[in-house]
């Protein structure tokens, strides 16, 4: 089993769905916020995603119940499973965003499209696409 497949297998869901996509978006946002600020609060997530704090609170309850995040003293952190999913989702986003930018897609559109693509490709397809494209690209 490859590294990407191991990360993918930690998902508590088997097929794409709106709730999985939403969970992955929240997890990726938490990862980005924690990476840049060292901590993550509900209000930070709301600003980052452009949603209400009430929406963030509801999502965090679901993510916590799924065993993906923990909130301690208003600081949102990951469980090991949540971090693995966030990192895998972030890697997929960066890959697709880079691919689209290399193809000449403007930065904002590439980011929006990468956000959609990161959720709809299976782990196996992503791994094969990643391997194929990184193997066939000349070294820079």
Protein backbone atom coordinates (compact mmCIF):
# COMPACT_ATOMS: atom_id res chain seq x y z
CA UNK A 1 0.00 0.00 0.00
CA UNK A 2 1.43 3.38 -1.01
CA UNK A 3 1.80 6.38 1.30
CA UNK A 4 -1.13 8.20 -0.38
CA UNK A 5 -3.35 5.12 -0.15
CA UNK A 6 -2.58 4.80 3.55
CA UNK A 7 -3.65 8.40 4.10
CA UNK A 8 -6.77 7.87 1.99
CA UNK A 9 -7.70 4.73 3.91
CA UNK A 10 -7.99 6.75 7.12
CA UNK A 11 -11.11 8.47 5.76
CA UNK A 12 -14.30 7.45 7.53
CA UNK A 13 -16.15 7.47 4.20
CA UNK A 14 -15.85 5.53 0.99
CA UNK A 15 -17.21 7.73 -1.75
CA UNK A 16 -17.40 11.43 -2.55
CA UNK A 17 -20.19 13.31 -0.82
CA UNK A 18 -20.97 16.88 0.12
CA UNK A 19 -20.37 16.15 3.79
CA UNK A 20 -16.97 14.59 3.06
CA UNK A 21 -16.06 17.54 0.82
CA UNK A 22 -17.10 19.97 3.54
CA UNK A 23 -15.13 18.07 6.19
CA UNK A 24 -12.03 18.05 4.00
CA UNK A 25 -12.38 21.79 3.34
CA UNK A 26 -12.59 22.49 7.08
CA UNK A 27 -9.63 20.23 7.82
CA UNK A 28 -7.51 21.86 5.10
CA UNK A 29 -8.47 25.32 6.40
CA UNK A 30 -7.49 24.34 9.95
CA UNK A 31 -4.15 23.03 8.67
CA UNK A 32 -3.46 26.25 6.76
CA UNK A 33 -4.42 28.45 9.71
CA UNK A 34 -2.38 26.44 12.22
CA UNK A 35 0.60 26.50 9.84
CA UNK A 36 0.53 30.28 9.51
CA UNK A 37 -0.63 31.31 13.02
CA UNK A 38 0.38 28.42 15.27
CA UNK A 39 -3.17 28.11 16.58
CA UNK A 40 -6.67 28.05 15.17
CA UNK A 41 -9.89 29.51 16.56
CA UNK A 42 -13.48 29.28 15.28
CA UNK A 43 -13.36 32.90 14.12
CA UNK A 44 -10.17 32.19 12.12
CA UNK A 45 -11.89 29.33 10.31
CA UNK A 46 -14.99 31.45 9.64
CA UNK A 47 -12.87 34.20 8.09
CA UNK A 48 -10.76 31.75 6.10
CA UNK A 49 -13.75 29.96 4.60
CA UNK A 50 -16.12 32.94 4.43
CA UNK A 51 -18.79 31.26 6.56
CA UNK A 52 -20.53 32.17 9.81
CA UNK A 53 -19.12 31.25 13.21
CA UNK A 54 -22.31 29.26 13.83
CA UNK A 55 -21.56 27.15 10.74
CA UNK A 56 -18.02 26.59 11.99
CA UNK A 57 -19.33 25.52 15.42
CA UNK A 58 -21.68 22.97 13.84
CA UNK A 59 -18.94 21.63 11.60
CA UNK A 60 -16.49 21.33 14.49
CA UNK A 61 -19.02 19.30 16.49
CA UNK A 62 -19.32 16.87 13.56
CA UNK A 63 -15.55 16.73 13.04
CA UNK A 64 -15.03 16.16 16.75
CA UNK A 65 -17.65 13.39 16.83
CA UNK A 66 -15.90 11.78 13.86
CA UNK A 67 -12.65 11.81 15.83
CA UNK A 68 -10.88 14.24 13.49
CA UNK A 69 -10.43 17.38 15.62
CA UNK A 70 -10.21 18.38 19.26
CA UNK A 71 -11.02 21.82 20.65
CA UNK A 72 -9.12 22.77 23.81
CA UNK A 73 -9.36 26.31 25.24
CA UNK A 74 -10.82 27.61 21.97
CA UNK A 75 -7.86 26.18 20.01
CA UNK A 76 -8.84 23.76 17.26
CA UNK A 77 -6.33 20.93 16.83
CA UNK A 78 -6.16 17.63 15.04
CA UNK A 79 -6.30 14.03 16.05
CA UNK A 80 -3.73 11.95 14.16
CA UNK A 81 -6.46 10.80 11.77
CA UNK A 82 -7.67 14.36 11.18
CA UNK A 83 -4.13 15.57 10.47
CA UNK A 84 -3.56 12.74 7.98
CA UNK A 85 -6.73 13.64 6.09
CA UNK A 86 -5.89 17.37 6.17
CA UNK A 87 -2.39 16.75 4.84
CA UNK A 88 -3.59 14.42 2.09
CA UNK A 89 -6.28 16.91 1.04
CA UNK A 90 -3.78 19.76 1.06
CA UNK A 91 -1.30 17.76 -1.03
CA UNK A 92 -4.00 16.98 -3.58
CA UNK A 93 -5.02 20.66 -3.69
CA UNK A 94 -1.42 21.81 -4.25
CA UNK A 95 -0.93 19.20 -6.97
CA UNK A 96 -4.05 20.14 -8.92
CA UNK A 97 -3.51 23.87 -8.42
CA UNK A 98 0.07 23.58 -9.73
CA UNK A 99 -1.04 21.50 -12.68
CA UNK A 100 -3.69 24.05 -13.63
CA UNK A 101 -1.28 26.98 -13.17
CA UNK A 102 1.28 25.22 -15.36
CA UNK A 103 -1.43 24.86 -18.01
CA UNK A 104 -1.95 28.65 -17.95
CA UNK A 105 -5.02 28.90 -15.72
CA UNK A 106 -5.17 32.13 -13.72
CA UNK A 107 -4.30 31.76 -10.00
CA UNK A 108 -7.77 32.39 -8.55
CA UNK A 109 -9.51 30.06 -10.96
CA UNK A 110 -6.82 27.40 -10.52
CA UNK A 111 -7.33 27.50 -6.75
CA UNK A 112 -11.13 27.26 -7.05
CA UNK A 113 -10.92 24.39 -9.54
CA UNK A 114 -8.26 22.58 -7.49
CA UNK A 115 -10.62 22.77 -4.51
CA UNK A 116 -13.23 20.85 -6.51
CA UNK A 117 -10.78 18.37 -8.02
CA UNK A 118 -9.15 17.46 -4.71
CA UNK A 119 -12.40 15.84 -3.56
CA UNK A 120 -13.61 13.96 -6.61
CA UNK A 121 -10.65 11.76 -7.57
CA UNK A 122 -10.16 8.42 -5.84
CA UNK A 123 -6.92 7.73 -4.00
CA UNK A 124 -5.92 5.15 -6.59
CA UNK A 125 -6.61 7.45 -9.55
CA UNK A 126 -4.83 10.35 -7.85
CA UNK A 127 -1.77 8.24 -7.06
CA UNK A 128 -1.56 6.98 -10.64
CA UNK A 129 -2.07 10.44 -12.12
CA UNK A 130 0.51 11.92 -9.74
CA UNK A 131 3.04 9.19 -10.54
CA UNK A 132 2.46 9.47 -14.27
CA UNK A 133 2.76 13.23 -14.42
CA UNK A 134 5.71 13.57 -12.07
CA UNK A 135 7.54 10.73 -13.85
CA UNK A 136 6.95 12.25 -17.30
CA UNK A 137 7.88 15.84 -16.34
CA UNK A 138 11.44 16.91 -17.07
CA UNK A 139 13.49 17.97 -14.04
CA UNK A 140 13.57 21.69 -13.54
